[in-house]
Amino acid sequence: MEQDPLAQLIIWHQEDEHEKIVDRIMEIAQSDRDYETVSLLARAMNNLERYDEVLQQLLTIAKLGLLH
């Protein structure tokens, strides 16, 4: 992946490559994912109509007190 992984995720979103986003973020340990990363993962899963998984991801950041 490029030097700026976030930039690549945004490019993939613009190109409707949501599965690539999910695959890449899932390679990151859950404990290492921050609010922005989980949000991007949830958005990609939502675009793939994986709604139950979206809810799970959003609940993980809600538990950390990061979802307002």
N, C-alpha and C. Protein backbone atom coordinates (compact mmCIF):
# COMPACT_ATOMS: atom_id res chain seq x y z
N MET A 1 0.84 -1.17 0.00
CA MET A 1 0.00 0.00 0.00
C MET A 1 0.89 1.24 0.00
N GLU A 2 0.33 2.35 -0.46
CA GLU A 2 1.07 3.60 -0.52
C GLU A 2 1.50 4.05 0.87
N GLN A 3 2.30 5.11 0.91
CA GLN A 3 2.79 5.63 2.18
C GLN A 3 1.65 6.11 3.07
N ASP A 4 0.59 6.65 2.50
CA ASP A 4 -0.54 7.13 3.29
C ASP A 4 -1.72 6.18 3.11
N PRO A 5 -1.88 5.23 4.03
CA PRO A 5 -2.95 4.24 3.89
C PRO A 5 -4.34 4.87 3.87
N LEU A 6 -4.53 5.95 4.62
CA LEU A 6 -5.83 6.61 4.63
C LEU A 6 -6.19 7.14 3.25
N ALA A 7 -5.21 7.70 2.56
CA ALA A 7 -5.46 8.21 1.21
C ALA A 7 -5.90 7.08 0.28
N GLN A 8 -5.29 5.91 0.43
CA GLN A 8 -5.67 4.77 -0.41
C GLN A 8 -7.10 4.35 -0.13
N LEU A 9 -7.49 4.35 1.14
CA LEU A 9 -8.85 3.97 1.50
C LEU A 9 -9.86 4.93 0.89
N ILE A 10 -9.54 6.20 0.89
CA ILE A 10 -10.42 7.21 0.30
C ILE A 10 -10.52 7.02 -1.21
N ILE A 11 -9.41 6.71 -1.85
CA ILE A 11 -9.43 6.44 -3.30
C ILE A 11 -10.31 5.24 -3.59
N TRP A 12 -10.14 4.18 -2.81
CA TRP A 12 -10.97 2.99 -3.01
C TRP A 12 -12.45 3.32 -2.82
N HIS A 13 -12.77 4.17 -1.85
CA HIS A 13 -14.17 4.56 -1.65
C HIS A 13 -14.70 5.27 -2.89
N GLN A 14 -13.92 6.18 -3.44
CA GLN A 14 -14.34 6.93 -4.63
C GLN A 14 -14.51 6.00 -5.84
N GLU A 15 -13.75 4.91 -5.85
CA GLU A 15 -13.82 3.95 -6.95
C GLU A 15 -14.81 2.81 -6.66
N ASP A 16 -15.59 2.92 -5.60
CA ASP A 16 -16.54 1.88 -5.19
C ASP A 16 -15.89 0.53 -4.97
N GLU A 17 -14.69 0.54 -4.43
CA GLU A 17 -13.94 -0.68 -4.11
C GLU A 17 -14.07 -0.97 -2.61
N HIS A 18 -15.30 -1.11 -2.16
CA HIS A 18 -15.58 -1.22 -0.74
C HIS A 18 -15.03 -2.51 -0.12
N GLU A 19 -15.02 -3.58 -0.88
CA GLU A 19 -14.47 -4.84 -0.35
C GLU A 19 -12.98 -4.70 -0.06
N LYS A 20 -12.25 -3.94 -0.89
CA LYS A 20 -10.83 -3.71 -0.64
C LYS A 20 -10.63 -2.95 0.67
N ILE A 21 -11.51 -1.99 0.94
CA ILE A 21 -11.43 -1.23 2.18
C ILE A 21 -11.63 -2.16 3.37
N VAL A 22 -12.67 -2.97 3.30
CA VAL A 22 -12.95 -3.91 4.39
C VAL A 22 -11.77 -4.85 4.59
N ASP A 23 -11.28 -5.43 3.52
CA ASP A 23 -10.17 -6.38 3.63
C ASP A 23 -8.94 -5.73 4.27
N ARG A 24 -8.63 -4.51 3.84
CA ARG A 24 -7.43 -3.83 4.36
C ARG A 24 -7.59 -3.49 5.83
N ILE A 25 -8.73 -2.95 6.21
CA ILE A 25 -8.91 -2.56 7.61
C ILE A 25 -8.99 -3.78 8.51
N MET A 26 -9.56 -4.87 8.02
CA MET A 26 -9.65 -6.08 8.83
C MET A 26 -8.28 -6.68 9.11
N GLU A 27 -7.27 -6.29 8.34
CA GLU A 27 -5.89 -6.73 8.60
C GLU A 27 -5.31 -6.03 9.84
N ILE A 28 -5.90 -4.93 10.23
CA ILE A 28 -5.45 -4.17 11.39
C ILE A 28 -6.09 -4.77 12.63
N ALA A 29 -5.30 -5.00 13.65
CA ALA A 29 -5.84 -5.52 14.90
C ALA A 29 -6.93 -4.59 15.41
N GLN A 30 -8.01 -5.16 15.90
CA GLN A 30 -9.14 -4.35 16.36
C GLN A 30 -8.69 -3.34 17.41
N SER A 31 -7.78 -3.72 18.26
CA SER A 31 -7.30 -2.82 19.31
C SER A 31 -6.50 -1.64 18.75
N ASP A 32 -6.04 -1.75 17.51
CA ASP A 32 -5.26 -0.68 16.89
C ASP A 32 -6.10 0.24 16.00
N ARG A 33 -7.38 -0.05 15.87
CA ARG A 33 -8.25 0.77 15.03
C ARG A 33 -8.77 1.97 15.81
N ASP A 34 -8.65 3.13 15.22
CA ASP A 34 -9.15 4.34 15.87
C ASP A 34 -10.54 4.68 15.32
N TYR A 35 -11.08 5.79 15.81
CA TYR A 35 -12.43 6.21 15.41
C TYR A 35 -12.55 6.33 13.90
N GLU A 36 -11.58 6.99 13.28
CA GLU A 36 -11.64 7.21 11.83
C GLU A 36 -11.58 5.90 11.06
N THR A 37 -10.73 5.00 11.48
CA THR A 37 -10.59 3.71 10.81
C THR A 37 -11.87 2.90 10.91
N VAL A 38 -12.44 2.85 12.10
CA VAL A 38 -13.69 2.11 12.29
C VAL A 38 -14.82 2.75 11.50
N SER A 39 -14.83 4.06 11.45
CA SER A 39 -15.86 4.76 10.67
C SER A 39 -15.76 4.42 9.19
N LEU A 40 -14.54 4.39 8.67
CA LEU A 40 -14.34 4.02 7.26
C LEU A 40 -14.75 2.57 7.01
N LEU A 41 -14.44 1.71 7.96
CA LEU A 41 -14.83 0.31 7.85
C LEU A 41 -16.35 0.18 7.85
N ALA A 42 -17.01 0.87 8.76
CA ALA A 42 -18.47 0.82 8.84
C ALA A 42 -19.09 1.37 7.56
N ARG A 43 -18.53 2.44 7.02
CA ARG A 43 -19.08 3.01 5.78
C ARG A 43 -18.94 2.02 4.63
N ALA A 44 -17.79 1.37 4.53
CA ALA A 44 -17.58 0.38 3.46
C ALA A 44 -18.54 -0.79 3.62
N MET A 45 -18.69 -1.27 4.85
CA MET A 45 -19.62 -2.38 5.09
C MET A 45 -21.05 -1.97 4.78
N ASN A 46 -21.41 -0.74 5.12
CA ASN A 46 -22.74 -0.24 4.80
C ASN A 46 -22.96 -0.25 3.29
N ASN A 47 -21.97 0.18 2.54
CA ASN A 47 -22.08 0.20 1.08
C ASN A 47 -22.18 -1.22 0.50
N LEU A 48 -21.71 -2.20 1.26
CA LEU A 48 -21.82 -3.59 0.84
C LEU A 48 -23.07 -4.26 1.43
N GLU A 49 -23.90 -3.46 2.08
CA GLU A 49 -25.15 -3.92 2.70
C GLU A 49 -24.92 -4.97 3.78
N ARG A 50 -23.82 -4.84 4.51
CA ARG A 50 -23.48 -5.75 5.61
C ARG A 50 -23.86 -5.05 6.92
N TYR A 51 -25.15 -4.82 7.08
CA TYR A 51 -25.66 -3.96 8.13
C TYR A 51 -25.40 -4.46 9.55
N ASP A 52 -25.51 -5.76 9.78
CA ASP A 52 -25.24 -6.29 11.11
C ASP A 52 -23.79 -6.03 11.52
N GLU A 53 -22.87 -6.18 10.55
CA GLU A 53 -21.47 -5.92 10.84
C GLU A 53 -21.20 -4.44 11.06
N VAL A 54 -21.95 -3.59 10.34
CA VAL A 54 -21.82 -2.14 10.54
C VAL A 54 -22.16 -1.81 11.99
N LEU A 55 -23.27 -2.34 12.46
CA LEU A 55 -23.70 -2.08 13.83
C LEU A 55 -22.64 -2.55 14.83
N GLN A 56 -22.08 -3.73 14.60
CA GLN A 56 -21.03 -4.24 15.49
C GLN A 56 -19.84 -3.29 15.54
N GLN A 57 -19.43 -2.81 14.38
CA GLN A 57 -18.28 -1.90 14.34
C GLN A 57 -18.57 -0.59 15.05
N LEU A 58 -19.74 -0.03 14.83
CA LEU A 58 -20.08 1.22 15.48
C LEU A 58 -20.21 1.05 16.99
N LEU A 59 -20.68 -0.11 17.42
CA LEU A 59 -20.76 -0.36 18.86
C LEU A 59 -19.38 -0.45 19.49
N THR A 60 -18.38 -0.91 18.73
CA THR A 60 -17.03 -0.99 19.30
C THR A 60 -16.50 0.40 19.63
N ILE A 61 -16.78 1.37 18.79
CA ILE A 61 -16.29 2.72 19.11
C ILE A 61 -17.21 3.41 20.11
N ALA A 62 -18.46 3.03 20.15
CA ALA A 62 -19.37 3.59 21.15
C ALA A 62 -18.93 3.15 22.55
N LYS A 63 -18.49 1.90 22.66
CA LYS A 63 -18.04 1.39 23.94
C LYS A 63 -16.80 2.14 24.44
N LEU A 64 -16.02 2.64 23.52
CA LEU A 64 -14.82 3.39 23.89
C LEU A 64 -15.14 4.85 24.20
N GLY A 65 -16.40 5.21 24.03
CA GLY A 65 -16.80 6.57 24.28
C GLY A 65 -16.42 7.52 23.18
N LEU A 66 -16.16 6.97 21.99
CA LEU A 66 -15.71 7.78 20.88
C LEU A 66 -16.86 8.17 19.95
N LEU A 67 -18.00 7.53 20.10
CA LEU A 67 -19.14 7.83 19.23
C LEU A 67 -20.07 8.75 20.01
N HIS A 68 -20.30 9.92 19.47
CA HIS A 68 -21.11 10.92 20.18
C HIS A 68 -22.42 11.11 19.46
